[in-house]
Protein backbone atom coordinates (compact mmCIF):
# COMPACT_ATOMS: atom_id res chain seq x y z
CA MET A 1 -39.84 21.70 5.97
CA SER A 2 -36.49 23.41 6.42
CA VAL A 3 -34.62 23.18 9.72
CA GLU A 4 -33.64 26.38 11.51
CA SER A 5 -29.87 26.51 11.78
CA GLU A 6 -26.99 28.84 12.49
CA MET A 7 -24.83 26.96 9.98
CA LYS A 8 -23.17 29.22 7.44
CA ARG A 9 -23.04 28.58 3.72
CA ALA A 10 -19.58 28.40 2.21
CA VAL A 11 -17.95 31.39 0.57
CA ARG A 12 -16.08 30.37 -2.57
CA HIS A 13 -12.91 32.18 -3.54
CA LEU A 14 -12.71 31.36 -7.26
CA LYS A 15 -14.71 33.11 -9.96
CA THR A 16 -14.97 29.80 -11.82
CA THR A 17 -16.79 27.96 -9.05
CA ALA A 18 -18.99 31.00 -8.40
CA ARG A 19 -20.16 30.69 -12.03
CA MET A 20 -20.83 26.94 -11.97
CA LYS A 21 -24.49 27.16 -12.97
CA GLU A 22 -23.54 29.31 -15.94
CA LEU A 23 -20.59 27.13 -16.97
CA LEU A 24 -22.25 23.74 -16.40
CA PRO A 25 -25.84 24.10 -17.69
CA GLY A 26 -25.94 20.42 -18.65
CA PHE A 27 -25.76 19.53 -14.96
CA PHE A 28 -27.90 22.24 -13.39
CA ALA A 29 -30.56 22.78 -16.09
CA ARG A 30 -31.80 19.28 -16.83
CA PRO A 31 -35.08 18.29 -18.54
CA SER A 32 -38.34 17.86 -16.63
CA GLU A 33 -40.25 14.72 -15.67
CA GLU A 34 -41.94 14.73 -19.08
CA GLU A 35 -38.64 14.08 -20.92
CA GLU A 36 -39.08 10.89 -22.94
CA ARG A 37 -35.50 9.62 -22.75
CA PRO A 38 -34.76 6.86 -20.18
CA VAL A 39 -33.58 8.09 -16.79
CA ALA A 40 -30.85 6.13 -15.02
CA TRP A 41 -30.26 6.52 -11.29
CA CYS A 42 -26.52 6.02 -10.87
CA MET A 43 -23.95 5.58 -8.15
CA VAL A 44 -20.52 7.15 -8.17
CA GLY A 45 -18.34 4.54 -9.87
CA VAL A 46 -20.58 4.31 -12.93
CA PRO A 47 -18.67 5.84 -15.89
CA PRO A 48 -20.48 9.03 -16.97
CA GLU A 49 -19.08 8.43 -20.45
CA LEU A 50 -21.34 5.38 -20.89
CA LEU A 51 -24.42 7.42 -20.00
CA LYS A 52 -23.54 9.97 -22.65
CA ALA A 53 -22.74 7.29 -25.23
CA PHE A 54 -26.23 5.82 -24.74
CA ASP A 55 -27.85 9.28 -24.74
CA LEU A 56 -29.32 8.74 -21.28
CA GLU A 57 -30.75 11.17 -18.77
CA TRP A 58 -29.42 10.59 -15.27
CA GLU A 59 -29.82 11.25 -11.57
CA TRP A 60 -27.13 10.75 -8.92
CA PRO A 61 -28.73 10.12 -5.48
CA GLU A 62 -25.39 10.73 -3.76
CA ASN A 63 -25.13 14.21 -5.24
CA PHE A 64 -28.80 14.78 -4.43
CA GLY A 65 -28.00 13.90 -0.82
CA THR A 66 -25.30 16.57 -0.64
CA LEU A 67 -27.74 19.15 -2.03
CA CYS A 68 -30.36 18.17 0.55
CA ALA A 69 -27.78 18.42 3.33
CA SER A 70 -26.51 21.81 2.16
CA ARG A 71 -30.08 23.17 2.05
CA LEU A 72 -30.90 21.58 5.43
CA ILE A 73 -33.81 19.54 4.07
CA ALA A 74 -32.12 16.14 4.49
CA PRO A 75 -33.36 15.64 8.10
CA ASP A 76 -36.97 15.40 6.90
CA PHE A 77 -36.13 12.65 4.41
CA ILE A 78 -33.90 10.79 6.86
CA GLU A 79 -36.53 10.88 9.62
CA SER A 80 -39.14 9.65 7.12
CA ALA A 81 -36.94 6.66 6.28
CA GLU A 82 -36.32 5.91 9.94
CA SER A 83 -40.09 5.98 10.58
CA GLU A 84 -40.36 3.11 8.08
CA GLY A 85 -37.96 1.04 10.16
CA TYR A 86 -34.58 1.86 8.62
CA SER A 87 -31.91 2.18 11.28
CA SER A 88 -30.41 5.55 12.14
CA ASP A 89 -27.04 3.77 11.87
CA ILE A 90 -27.51 3.43 8.10
CA CYS A 91 -25.57 5.85 5.91
CA SER A 92 -27.36 9.20 5.67
CA TYR A 93 -27.04 9.17 1.88
CA VAL A 94 -29.07 5.94 1.84
CA ASN A 95 -31.79 7.05 4.25
CA ASN A 96 -32.07 10.41 2.49
CA THR A 97 -32.80 8.55 -0.76
CA PHE A 98 -35.36 6.22 0.86
CA GLY A 99 -37.15 9.18 2.42
CA TYR A 100 -37.20 10.97 -0.93
CA CYS A 101 -38.60 7.89 -2.72
CA ARG A 102 -41.38 7.65 -0.15
CA ARG A 103 -42.26 11.35 -0.60
CA TYR A 104 -42.18 10.97 -4.40
CA LEU A 105 -44.71 8.13 -4.27
CA GLU A 106 -46.91 9.96 -1.76
CA GLU A 107 -47.05 13.07 -3.95
CA GLY A 108 -47.16 11.26 -7.29
CA GLY A 109 -44.05 12.97 -8.65
CA PRO A 110 -41.01 15.03 -7.65
CA PRO A 111 -41.91 16.99 -4.49
CA ASP A 112 -41.52 20.75 -4.31
CA LEU A 113 -38.20 21.28 -2.52
CA GLY A 114 -37.72 24.96 -3.20
CA ARG A 115 -34.30 25.62 -4.70
CA VAL A 116 -33.38 21.92 -4.71
CA ARG A 117 -34.54 20.13 -7.85
CA GLY A 118 -36.14 16.76 -7.13
CA MET A 119 -34.99 13.58 -8.87
CA ARG A 120 -37.09 12.16 -11.67
CA LYS A 121 -38.51 8.62 -11.56
CA PRO A 122 -35.89 6.07 -12.65
CA SER A 123 -36.28 3.86 -15.70
CA PHE A 124 -33.55 1.61 -14.28
CA LEU A 125 -30.73 1.68 -11.74
CA LEU A 126 -26.96 1.45 -12.24
CA GLY A 127 -25.28 0.48 -8.99
CA SER A 128 -21.65 0.10 -8.01
CA GLY A 129 -20.01 -1.82 -5.20
CA VAL A 130 -17.13 0.65 -5.08
CA THR A 131 -16.33 2.52 -1.87
CA CYS A 132 -18.78 1.44 0.84
CA GLU A 133 -20.85 -1.46 2.15
CA PRO A 134 -24.51 -0.31 1.97
CA ARG A 135 -24.50 0.18 -1.79
CA TYR A 136 -25.89 -3.20 -2.86
CA LYS A 137 -28.92 -3.09 -0.57
CA TRP A 138 -29.44 0.63 -1.24
CA PHE A 139 -30.39 0.22 -4.89
CA GLN A 140 -31.89 -3.24 -4.38
CA THR A 141 -34.35 -1.66 -1.95
CA ILE A 142 -35.23 1.14 -4.37
CA ALA A 143 -35.79 -1.40 -7.17
CA THR A 144 -38.09 -3.62 -5.12
CA ARG A 145 -39.81 -1.47 -2.50
CA TYR A 146 -40.28 1.89 -4.20
CA PHE A 147 -39.87 1.66 -7.97
CA GLN A 148 -40.15 -1.74 -9.65
CA VAL A 149 -37.38 -1.18 -12.19
CA PRO A 150 -34.41 -3.22 -13.51
CA ILE A 151 -31.06 -2.91 -11.75
CA HIS A 152 -27.44 -3.68 -12.62
CA SER A 153 -24.65 -3.52 -10.05
CA THR A 154 -20.90 -3.93 -10.43
CA ASP A 155 -18.71 -5.71 -7.90
CA PRO A 156 -16.39 -3.95 -5.45
CA LEU A 157 -12.83 -3.37 -6.59
CA SER A 158 -10.85 -3.99 -3.42
CA PRO A 159 -7.18 -4.91 -3.92
CA PRO A 160 -5.66 -5.85 -0.53
CA TRP A 161 -3.96 -2.80 0.91
CA ASP A 162 -0.97 -4.85 2.10
CA GLN A 163 -0.28 -6.40 -1.31
CA ASP A 164 1.70 -4.98 -4.23
CA ALA A 165 -0.95 -3.79 -6.67
CA LYS A 166 1.66 -3.99 -9.43
CA ASP A 167 1.94 -7.76 -8.97
CA PRO A 168 0.91 -9.08 -12.43
CA ARG A 169 -1.17 -11.88 -10.85
CA LEU A 170 -3.19 -9.37 -8.85
CA ALA A 171 -3.54 -7.08 -11.86
CA GLU A 172 -4.72 -9.95 -14.08
CA HIS A 173 -7.42 -10.92 -11.59
CA TYR A 174 -8.85 -7.44 -11.11
CA LEU A 175 -8.54 -6.37 -14.73
CA GLU A 176 -10.61 -9.39 -15.72
CA GLN A 177 -13.17 -8.52 -13.04
CA LEU A 178 -13.36 -4.95 -14.34
CA ARG A 179 -13.82 -6.15 -17.92
CA ARG A 180 -16.60 -8.52 -16.87
CA ASP A 181 -18.35 -5.76 -14.97
CA LEU A 182 -18.01 -3.16 -17.71
CA TYR A 183 -19.13 -5.45 -20.52
CA GLY A 184 -22.03 -6.60 -18.36
CA GLN A 185 -22.97 -2.97 -17.80
CA VAL A 186 -22.88 -2.34 -21.55
CA ALA A 187 -25.04 -5.41 -22.25
CA PHE A 188 -27.56 -4.22 -19.64
CA LEU A 189 -27.73 -0.74 -21.17
CA GLU A 190 -28.11 -2.15 -24.67
CA LYS A 191 -31.03 -4.25 -23.48
CA GLN A 192 -32.71 -1.37 -21.62
CA THR A 193 -32.28 1.20 -24.39
CA GLY A 194 -32.60 -1.03 -27.44
CA LYS A 195 -29.41 0.58 -28.81
CA LYS A 196 -25.99 -0.86 -29.55
CA LEU A 197 -23.00 0.93 -28.08
CA ASP A 198 -21.28 3.12 -30.68
CA LEU A 199 -17.57 2.64 -29.98
CA ASP A 200 -16.56 5.54 -32.22
CA ARG A 201 -18.80 7.88 -30.27
CA LEU A 202 -17.51 6.52 -26.96
CA ARG A 203 -13.93 7.12 -28.15
CA GLU A 204 -14.75 10.75 -28.92
CA ILE A 205 -16.41 11.12 -25.51
CA MET A 206 -13.35 9.64 -23.79
CA GLN A 207 -11.15 12.22 -25.50
CA TYR A 208 -13.14 14.95 -23.74
CA SER A 209 -12.75 13.05 -20.46
CA GLN A 210 -9.01 12.86 -20.78
CA GLU A 211 -8.69 16.54 -21.57
CA ALA A 212 -10.94 17.54 -18.65
CA LEU A 213 -9.04 15.32 -16.21
CA ARG A 214 -5.70 16.69 -17.40
CA TYR A 215 -6.76 20.27 -16.62
CA TRP A 216 -8.25 19.21 -13.28
CA TYR A 217 -5.05 17.40 -12.31
CA GLN A 218 -3.04 20.51 -13.14
CA VAL A 219 -5.35 22.60 -10.94
CA LEU A 220 -4.78 20.23 -8.02
CA GLN A 221 -1.01 20.38 -8.53
CA LEU A 222 -1.09 24.18 -8.40
CA ARG A 223 -2.46 23.96 -4.86
CA LYS A 224 1.03 23.02 -3.70
CA ALA A 225 2.04 26.67 -4.09
CA ILE A 226 2.58 28.83 -1.01
CA PRO A 227 0.25 30.50 -0.33
CA SER A 228 -2.25 27.96 -1.63
CA PRO A 229 -4.46 29.51 -4.35
CA MET A 230 -7.47 27.27 -3.69
CA GLY A 231 -9.13 25.80 -0.62
CA ALA A 232 -11.71 23.18 0.29
CA THR A 233 -14.86 25.21 -0.41
CA ASP A 234 -13.88 25.53 -4.07
CA TYR A 235 -12.64 21.93 -4.25
CA PHE A 236 -15.90 20.42 -3.01
CA SER A 237 -17.79 22.45 -5.60
CA ALA A 238 -15.37 21.72 -8.44
CA ILE A 239 -15.59 17.92 -8.13
CA ILE A 240 -18.96 17.90 -9.96
CA PRO A 241 -17.57 17.56 -13.52
CA GLN A 242 -15.02 14.94 -12.43
CA MET A 243 -17.68 12.77 -10.83
CA TYR A 244 -20.74 13.31 -12.99
CA MET A 245 -19.83 15.01 -16.29
CA LEU A 246 -16.79 13.28 -17.76
CA GLY A 247 -17.12 13.18 -21.52
CA GLU A 248 -18.92 16.53 -21.73
CA PRO A 249 -17.31 19.51 -23.51
CA GLU A 250 -18.65 21.62 -20.63
CA ALA A 251 -16.34 19.75 -18.25
CA VAL A 252 -13.32 20.57 -20.40
CA ASN A 253 -14.24 24.26 -20.59
CA PHE A 254 -14.90 24.45 -16.85
CA TYR A 255 -11.58 22.91 -15.81
CA ARG A 256 -9.65 24.88 -18.45
CA GLU A 257 -11.09 28.13 -17.10
CA MET A 258 -10.38 27.05 -13.53
CA TYR A 259 -6.79 26.14 -14.41
CA ASN A 260 -6.18 29.55 -15.98
CA GLU A 261 -7.65 31.32 -12.96
CA VAL A 262 -5.73 29.29 -10.37
CA LYS A 263 -2.49 29.61 -12.36
CA GLU A 264 -2.91 33.39 -12.39
CA ARG A 265 -3.47 33.40 -8.62
CA VAL A 266 -0.23 31.45 -8.14
CA GLU A 267 1.70 33.84 -10.39
CA LYS A 268 0.36 36.83 -8.43
CA GLY A 269 0.85 35.19 -5.03
CA ILE A 270 -2.87 35.33 -4.19
CA GLY A 271 -3.78 32.88 -1.44
CA ILE A 272 -6.88 31.85 0.48
CA ALA A 273 -5.72 32.97 3.93
CA ASP A 274 -3.79 36.16 4.65
CA PRO A 275 -1.46 35.26 6.16
CA GLU A 276 -1.40 31.48 5.58
CA LYS A 277 -0.24 29.92 8.86
CA TYR A 278 -1.31 26.29 8.60
CA ARG A 279 -1.69 23.84 5.69
CA LEU A 280 -4.21 21.06 6.35
CA ILE A 281 -5.19 17.71 4.80
CA TRP A 282 -8.88 16.75 4.95
CA PHE A 283 -9.73 13.05 5.29
CA GLY A 284 -13.22 11.69 4.70
CA LEU A 285 -16.53 13.23 3.74
CA PRO A 286 -17.01 16.98 4.23
CA PRO A 287 -19.80 18.45 6.39
CA TRP A 288 -22.11 19.23 3.47
CA PHE A 289 -24.55 20.91 5.87
CA ASN A 290 -21.86 23.32 7.07
CA LEU A 291 -19.18 23.88 4.43
CA GLY A 292 -18.81 27.37 5.88
CA MET A 293 -16.69 25.68 8.56
CA PHE A 294 -13.80 25.75 6.09
CA ASN A 295 -14.13 29.54 5.83
CA TYR A 296 -13.86 29.72 9.62
CA LEU A 297 -10.61 27.75 9.50
CA GLU A 298 -9.35 30.09 6.78
CA SER A 299 -10.08 33.08 9.02
CA LEU A 300 -7.60 31.52 11.47
CA GLY A 301 -4.96 31.18 8.76
CA ALA A 302 -5.58 27.45 8.16
CA VAL A 303 -6.10 26.29 4.57
CA VAL A 304 -7.02 22.79 3.38
CA VAL A 305 -4.64 22.11 0.49
CA TYR A 306 -5.47 18.42 -0.11
CA GLU A 307 -8.60 16.30 0.29
CA SER A 308 -8.40 12.51 0.30
CA ILE A 309 -12.06 12.09 -0.64
CA TYR A 310 -12.96 12.27 -4.35
CA ASN A 311 -9.32 12.96 -5.21
CA MET A 312 -8.57 11.88 -8.78
CA GLY A 313 -4.98 10.86 -8.01
CA GLU A 314 -2.52 10.94 -10.88
CA TRP A 315 -3.54 11.77 -14.42
CA VAL A 316 -2.90 8.73 -16.64
CA GLU A 317 -2.38 8.57 -20.39
CA LEU A 318 -4.80 6.14 -22.07
CA ASP A 319 -4.82 4.33 -25.40
CA LEU A 320 -8.29 5.15 -26.76
CA SER A 321 -8.17 2.79 -29.74
CA ASP A 322 -10.39 0.50 -27.63
CA PRO A 323 -12.42 2.93 -25.46
CA LEU A 324 -13.92 0.19 -23.28
CA GLU A 325 -10.48 -1.18 -22.49
CA ALA A 326 -9.39 2.40 -21.76
CA LEU A 327 -12.15 2.68 -19.15
CA VAL A 328 -10.96 -0.58 -17.58
CA GLU A 329 -7.37 0.66 -17.56
CA ARG A 330 -8.28 4.03 -16.03
CA THR A 331 -10.24 2.40 -13.21
CA TRP A 332 -7.44 -0.05 -12.45
CA LYS A 333 -4.66 2.53 -12.54
CA LYS A 334 -6.61 4.72 -10.13
CA ALA A 335 -6.93 1.72 -7.79
CA VAL A 336 -3.17 1.05 -8.05
CA ILE A 337 -2.37 4.67 -7.18
CA ALA A 338 -4.74 4.55 -4.19
CA ASN A 339 -3.11 1.28 -3.06
CA GLN A 340 0.35 2.85 -3.23
CA ARG A 341 -0.82 5.87 -1.20
CA GLY A 342 -2.16 3.48 1.45
């Protein structure tokens, strides 16, 4: 049941983000429950390129949580989880997933959520220790209490913030950890799918990733212009390909089109606020249930020009002769850049 609210949905300023469903059909128009291919539930931190290389269907509970929040249906799932004994102090992403799993089992399939498409039953889970503490127990609980399915989780990558991430001893330690995790992930997927990883196909997929990330990085650099051509409402929509669709030609086309549009806005001096009085940095998660708040700030002449959360950092050139090693290198270089930013 939806919650009555005076929250306002966000108004996007870019034509590209307004056409996301048209430009990214692989994300928004996925197969139904009857699809025979394995379905992996994944956490952010799992390389989307591996999913494509193994020809897997996928669900991302974190993204599903943002959709539930934006449509104001998350409170029902969260309250359902809390009624089972989960603390209200637990991350809302986690409790939203637990409440959804309970509803799925009660109804014998994806519940009718109106405009929000329910997640399909997982064949297995791909977890990641990156970013926050509840992640291990989150997927462990799903795999044991709700759906009895196999699970693989990678370890956190947490270089000490007060150490030089370029120290070769530190790099050697974490690069080896990343290799162990990635090769373990590949072995798990080979066992679950009965297929060997095709390195040539993965290399081709990684080429699409690199091209998409290059365009996306250029878009983010264009936001330095005064007035800024792009604000937070478009940013928090445009992160979808970066987080969930790397390796897809659709991601390349989307970010190329966005780059051309934003570049044209810069050349014509078209900004988000008229006049632009304040330039803001946004730290942490956005209020998914009220992204229209950013439009209110814009009406006051305040534009968010940089978001710390989900930011890709610098674009890095990769040697794709060994695509698995390239994935290791990309993950580590992103961690080094984050360490240097503090």
